[in-house]
Amino acid sequence: MNERIFDRPVFVRERPFIVREVASLDDALDFLDHWPEADRGLIYQTAWKACCDVFDGHKPLPVARHAFEGFAKRAGILEDADAVLPWMGRGKGSSGRTSV
């Protein structure tokens, strides 16, 4: 089992109509690494440092998840998991379509 997987994912809006699941420390670091440099303020720096501290073993994994979620909320890109999950998952044998 991967020790870097969050207990529950964080969902963030990447672009209009595109939601990304950030389910692990590696996902969070990748997302933050690609964040535009012009938008890397104090909240970004705090999240980045927390994730790096967890990566280096100085802090527990929930610290990274909490910091990343806080960053996403302040950046206005945090998506509600309850709203996202029904669209992402499919039941066994389901085509993914809904009846109207």
N, C-alpha and C. Protein backbone atom coordinates (compact mmCIF):
# COMPACT_ATOMS: atom_id res chain seq x y z
N MET A 1 0.83 -1.18 0.00
CA MET A 1 0.00 0.00 0.00
C MET A 1 0.88 1.25 0.00
N ASN A 2 0.49 2.24 -0.78
CA ASN A 2 1.24 3.48 -0.87
C ASN A 2 0.98 4.33 0.36
N GLU A 3 2.04 4.69 1.07
CA GLU A 3 1.91 5.50 2.28
C GLU A 3 1.59 6.95 1.97
N ARG A 4 1.62 7.33 0.72
CA ARG A 4 1.40 8.72 0.34
C ARG A 4 0.00 8.99 -0.19
N ILE A 5 -0.93 8.05 -0.09
CA ILE A 5 -2.30 8.23 -0.58
C ILE A 5 -3.13 8.87 0.52
N PHE A 6 -3.85 9.94 0.17
CA PHE A 6 -4.70 10.63 1.13
C PHE A 6 -5.85 9.74 1.56
N ASP A 7 -6.39 10.00 2.76
CA ASP A 7 -7.52 9.21 3.25
C ASP A 7 -8.76 9.47 2.40
N ARG A 8 -8.86 10.63 1.78
CA ARG A 8 -9.91 10.93 0.82
C ARG A 8 -9.34 11.97 -0.15
N PRO A 9 -9.73 11.90 -1.41
CA PRO A 9 -9.15 12.81 -2.40
C PRO A 9 -9.66 14.24 -2.25
N VAL A 10 -8.93 15.15 -2.84
CA VAL A 10 -9.33 16.55 -2.97
C VAL A 10 -9.62 16.75 -4.46
N PHE A 11 -10.75 17.38 -4.76
CA PHE A 11 -11.11 17.63 -6.15
C PHE A 11 -10.93 19.10 -6.46
N VAL A 12 -10.22 19.38 -7.55
CA VAL A 12 -9.95 20.76 -7.94
C VAL A 12 -10.35 20.97 -9.40
N ARG A 13 -10.79 22.17 -9.69
CA ARG A 13 -11.14 22.54 -11.06
C ARG A 13 -9.88 23.03 -11.75
N GLU A 14 -9.49 22.34 -12.81
CA GLU A 14 -8.32 22.74 -13.59
C GLU A 14 -8.67 23.79 -14.63
N ARG A 15 -9.73 23.56 -15.33
CA ARG A 15 -10.24 24.46 -16.37
C ARG A 15 -11.76 24.33 -16.32
N PRO A 16 -12.46 25.22 -17.00
CA PRO A 16 -13.91 25.05 -17.03
C PRO A 16 -14.26 23.64 -17.50
N PHE A 17 -15.10 22.99 -16.75
CA PHE A 17 -15.61 21.64 -17.06
C PHE A 17 -14.59 20.53 -16.90
N ILE A 18 -13.42 20.82 -16.32
CA ILE A 18 -12.42 19.78 -16.05
C ILE A 18 -12.11 19.78 -14.56
N VAL A 19 -12.41 18.65 -13.93
CA VAL A 19 -12.14 18.50 -12.50
C VAL A 19 -11.08 17.42 -12.34
N ARG A 20 -10.10 17.71 -11.53
CA ARG A 20 -8.98 16.78 -11.31
C ARG A 20 -9.05 16.22 -9.89
N GLU A 21 -8.84 14.93 -9.77
CA GLU A 21 -8.78 14.27 -8.47
C GLU A 21 -7.33 14.28 -8.00
N VAL A 22 -7.11 14.84 -6.83
CA VAL A 22 -5.78 14.85 -6.21
C VAL A 22 -5.88 13.87 -5.04
N ALA A 23 -5.37 12.67 -5.24
CA ALA A 23 -5.58 11.58 -4.29
C ALA A 23 -4.35 11.22 -3.47
N SER A 24 -3.24 11.87 -3.76
CA SER A 24 -2.00 11.50 -3.07
C SER A 24 -1.07 12.70 -2.94
N LEU A 25 -0.04 12.52 -2.16
CA LEU A 25 0.98 13.55 -2.01
C LEU A 25 1.63 13.84 -3.36
N ASP A 26 1.92 12.80 -4.12
CA ASP A 26 2.54 12.99 -5.43
C ASP A 26 1.64 13.80 -6.35
N ASP A 27 0.32 13.53 -6.32
CA ASP A 27 -0.63 14.32 -7.12
C ASP A 27 -0.60 15.79 -6.71
N ALA A 28 -0.59 16.03 -5.40
CA ALA A 28 -0.59 17.41 -4.90
C ALA A 28 0.68 18.14 -5.32
N LEU A 29 1.82 17.50 -5.18
CA LEU A 29 3.08 18.12 -5.58
C LEU A 29 3.10 18.40 -7.08
N ASP A 30 2.59 17.47 -7.87
CA ASP A 30 2.54 17.66 -9.32
C ASP A 30 1.65 18.85 -9.67
N PHE A 31 0.48 18.92 -9.04
CA PHE A 31 -0.44 20.03 -9.30
C PHE A 31 0.21 21.36 -8.92
N LEU A 32 0.80 21.41 -7.74
CA LEU A 32 1.43 22.65 -7.29
C LEU A 32 2.63 23.04 -8.16
N ASP A 33 3.37 22.05 -8.62
CA ASP A 33 4.53 22.31 -9.47
C ASP A 33 4.13 22.97 -10.78
N HIS A 34 2.93 22.67 -11.26
CA HIS A 34 2.46 23.23 -12.53
C HIS A 34 1.61 24.49 -12.34
N TRP A 35 1.45 24.95 -11.11
CA TRP A 35 0.69 26.17 -10.85
C TRP A 35 1.46 27.35 -11.42
N PRO A 36 0.77 28.29 -12.06
CA PRO A 36 1.47 29.43 -12.68
C PRO A 36 2.33 30.21 -11.67
N GLU A 37 3.55 30.47 -12.05
CA GLU A 37 4.48 31.16 -11.15
C GLU A 37 3.98 32.54 -10.72
N ALA A 38 3.25 33.22 -11.59
CA ALA A 38 2.74 34.55 -11.26
C ALA A 38 1.68 34.50 -10.15
N ASP A 39 1.09 33.32 -9.92
CA ASP A 39 0.03 33.17 -8.91
C ASP A 39 0.51 32.45 -7.65
N ARG A 40 1.80 32.34 -7.46
CA ARG A 40 2.36 31.62 -6.31
C ARG A 40 2.57 32.56 -5.13
N GLY A 41 1.47 32.82 -4.41
CA GLY A 41 1.52 33.69 -3.25
C GLY A 41 1.81 32.93 -1.97
N LEU A 42 1.49 33.56 -0.85
CA LEU A 42 1.78 33.00 0.46
C LEU A 42 1.04 31.68 0.70
N ILE A 43 -0.22 31.60 0.29
CA ILE A 43 -0.99 30.36 0.49
C ILE A 43 -0.36 29.23 -0.32
N TYR A 44 0.04 29.52 -1.55
CA TYR A 44 0.73 28.53 -2.37
C TYR A 44 2.01 28.07 -1.68
N GLN A 45 2.83 29.02 -1.24
CA GLN A 45 4.10 28.69 -0.60
C GLN A 45 3.91 27.84 0.64
N THR A 46 2.86 28.14 1.41
CA THR A 46 2.57 27.36 2.62
C THR A 46 2.20 25.93 2.25
N ALA A 47 1.35 25.78 1.23
CA ALA A 47 0.96 24.42 0.79
C ALA A 47 2.16 23.66 0.24
N TRP A 48 2.97 24.34 -0.56
CA TRP A 48 4.16 23.70 -1.14
C TRP A 48 5.11 23.22 -0.05
N LYS A 49 5.37 24.09 0.93
CA LYS A 49 6.28 23.73 2.03
C LYS A 49 5.73 22.56 2.83
N ALA A 50 4.43 22.58 3.13
CA ALA A 50 3.82 21.49 3.89
C ALA A 50 3.96 20.17 3.13
N CYS A 51 3.70 20.19 1.83
CA CYS A 51 3.82 18.96 1.03
C CYS A 51 5.27 18.48 0.98
N CYS A 52 6.21 19.41 0.86
CA CYS A 52 7.63 19.03 0.85
C CYS A 52 8.05 18.46 2.21
N ASP A 53 7.56 19.05 3.29
CA ASP A 53 7.87 18.54 4.63
C ASP A 53 7.34 17.12 4.81
N VAL A 54 6.16 16.86 4.29
CA VAL A 54 5.61 15.51 4.37
C VAL A 54 6.44 14.56 3.51
N PHE A 55 6.78 14.99 2.32
CA PHE A 55 7.59 14.19 1.41
C PHE A 55 8.92 13.80 2.06
N ASP A 56 9.50 14.75 2.79
CA ASP A 56 10.78 14.50 3.46
C ASP A 56 10.64 13.75 4.79
N GLY A 57 9.42 13.45 5.19
CA GLY A 57 9.19 12.68 6.41
C GLY A 57 9.16 13.51 7.69
N HIS A 58 9.10 14.82 7.56
CA HIS A 58 9.11 15.69 8.75
C HIS A 58 7.71 15.90 9.35
N LYS A 59 6.69 15.66 8.55
CA LYS A 59 5.30 15.84 9.01
C LYS A 59 4.45 14.69 8.52
N PRO A 60 3.31 14.43 9.19
CA PRO A 60 2.43 13.34 8.75
C PRO A 60 1.63 13.72 7.50
N LEU A 61 1.19 12.72 6.77
CA LEU A 61 0.47 12.90 5.51
C LEU A 61 -0.76 13.81 5.61
N PRO A 62 -1.58 13.73 6.66
CA PRO A 62 -2.75 14.61 6.71
C PRO A 62 -2.42 16.10 6.66
N VAL A 63 -1.22 16.48 7.06
CA VAL A 63 -0.81 17.89 6.99
C VAL A 63 -0.78 18.34 5.53
N ALA A 64 -0.27 17.52 4.64
CA ALA A 64 -0.20 17.87 3.22
C ALA A 64 -1.59 17.98 2.63
N ARG A 65 -2.46 17.04 2.95
CA ARG A 65 -3.82 17.08 2.41
C ARG A 65 -4.53 18.34 2.87
N HIS A 66 -4.43 18.63 4.16
CA HIS A 66 -5.09 19.80 4.72
C HIS A 66 -4.55 21.09 4.08
N ALA A 67 -3.25 21.19 3.92
CA ALA A 67 -2.64 22.38 3.31
C ALA A 67 -3.05 22.52 1.85
N PHE A 68 -3.07 21.41 1.13
CA PHE A 68 -3.46 21.46 -0.28
C PHE A 68 -4.92 21.86 -0.41
N GLU A 69 -5.76 21.31 0.43
CA GLU A 69 -7.19 21.65 0.39
C GLU A 69 -7.39 23.15 0.71
N GLY A 70 -6.66 23.66 1.69
CA GLY A 70 -6.73 25.08 2.02
C GLY A 70 -6.28 25.96 0.86
N PHE A 71 -5.21 25.55 0.20
CA PHE A 71 -4.73 26.27 -0.98
C PHE A 71 -5.82 26.29 -2.06
N ALA A 72 -6.40 25.13 -2.33
CA ALA A 72 -7.42 25.03 -3.37
C ALA A 72 -8.64 25.90 -3.05
N LYS A 73 -9.01 25.91 -1.78
CA LYS A 73 -10.16 26.72 -1.37
C LYS A 73 -9.86 28.20 -1.59
N ARG A 74 -8.69 28.66 -1.14
CA ARG A 74 -8.32 30.08 -1.29
C ARG A 74 -8.14 30.46 -2.76
N ALA A 75 -7.70 29.53 -3.57
CA ALA A 75 -7.50 29.80 -5.00
C ALA A 75 -8.83 29.76 -5.76
N GLY A 76 -9.90 29.32 -5.09
CA GLY A 76 -11.21 29.26 -5.73
C GLY A 76 -11.38 28.11 -6.70
N ILE A 77 -10.60 27.04 -6.50
CA ILE A 77 -10.67 25.89 -7.42
C ILE A 77 -11.13 24.61 -6.73
N LEU A 78 -11.44 24.69 -5.44
CA LEU A 78 -11.87 23.50 -4.70
C LEU A 78 -13.27 23.11 -5.15
N GLU A 79 -13.45 21.85 -5.46
CA GLU A 79 -14.75 21.31 -5.85
C GLU A 79 -15.29 20.42 -4.74
N ASP A 80 -16.59 20.42 -4.57
CA ASP A 80 -17.25 19.60 -3.56
C ASP A 80 -17.25 18.14 -4.01
N ALA A 81 -16.68 17.27 -3.19
CA ALA A 81 -16.58 15.85 -3.54
C ALA A 81 -17.95 15.22 -3.74
N ASP A 82 -18.94 15.62 -2.97
CA ASP A 82 -20.29 15.06 -3.11
C ASP A 82 -20.90 15.40 -4.46
N ALA A 83 -20.54 16.53 -5.02
CA ALA A 83 -21.06 16.92 -6.33
C ALA A 83 -20.29 16.25 -7.46
N VAL A 84 -19.02 15.94 -7.23
CA VAL A 84 -18.17 15.38 -8.28
C VAL A 84 -18.29 13.86 -8.37
N LEU A 85 -18.31 13.18 -7.26
CA LEU A 85 -18.24 11.72 -7.25
C LEU A 85 -19.35 11.02 -8.02
N PRO A 86 -20.61 11.46 -7.97
CA PRO A 86 -21.63 10.75 -8.75
C PRO A 86 -21.33 10.75 -10.25
N TRP A 87 -20.65 11.76 -10.74
CA TRP A 87 -20.34 11.83 -12.16
C TRP A 87 -19.11 11.03 -12.52
N MET A 88 -18.24 10.77 -11.54
CA MET A 88 -17.00 10.06 -11.82
C MET A 88 -17.14 8.55 -11.77
N GLY A 89 -17.99 8.06 -10.87
CA GLY A 89 -18.09 6.63 -10.68
C GLY A 89 -19.20 6.03 -11.50
N ARG A 90 -19.02 4.79 -11.85
CA ARG A 90 -20.05 4.03 -12.55
C ARG A 90 -20.28 2.73 -11.82
N GLY A 91 -21.51 2.36 -11.75
CA GLY A 91 -21.83 1.07 -11.16
C GLY A 91 -21.42 -0.05 -12.09
N LYS A 92 -21.30 -1.24 -11.58
CA LYS A 92 -20.92 -2.41 -12.38
C LYS A 92 -21.94 -2.64 -13.48
N GLY A 93 -21.50 -2.69 -14.69
CA GLY A 93 -22.39 -2.92 -15.81
C GLY A 93 -23.11 -1.65 -16.28
N SER A 94 -22.83 -0.54 -15.72
CA SER A 94 -23.48 0.71 -16.10
C SER A 94 -22.76 1.33 -17.28
N SER A 95 -23.51 1.95 -18.14
CA SER A 95 -22.91 2.63 -19.29
C SER A 95 -22.47 4.03 -18.94
N GLY A 96 -22.88 4.49 -17.74
CA GLY A 96 -22.54 5.84 -17.36
C GLY A 96 -23.60 6.84 -17.76
N ARG A 97 -24.61 6.37 -18.49
CA ARG A 97 -25.69 7.25 -18.93
C ARG A 97 -26.83 7.24 -17.92
N THR A 98 -27.55 8.30 -17.88
CA THR A 98 -28.70 8.36 -16.99
C THR A 98 -29.98 8.48 -17.82
N SER A 99 -31.04 7.96 -17.29
CA SER A 99 -32.33 8.05 -17.96
C SER A 99 -32.96 9.38 -17.66
N VAL A 100 -33.72 9.88 -18.62
CA VAL A 100 -34.41 11.15 -18.40
C VAL A 100 -35.89 10.94 -18.41
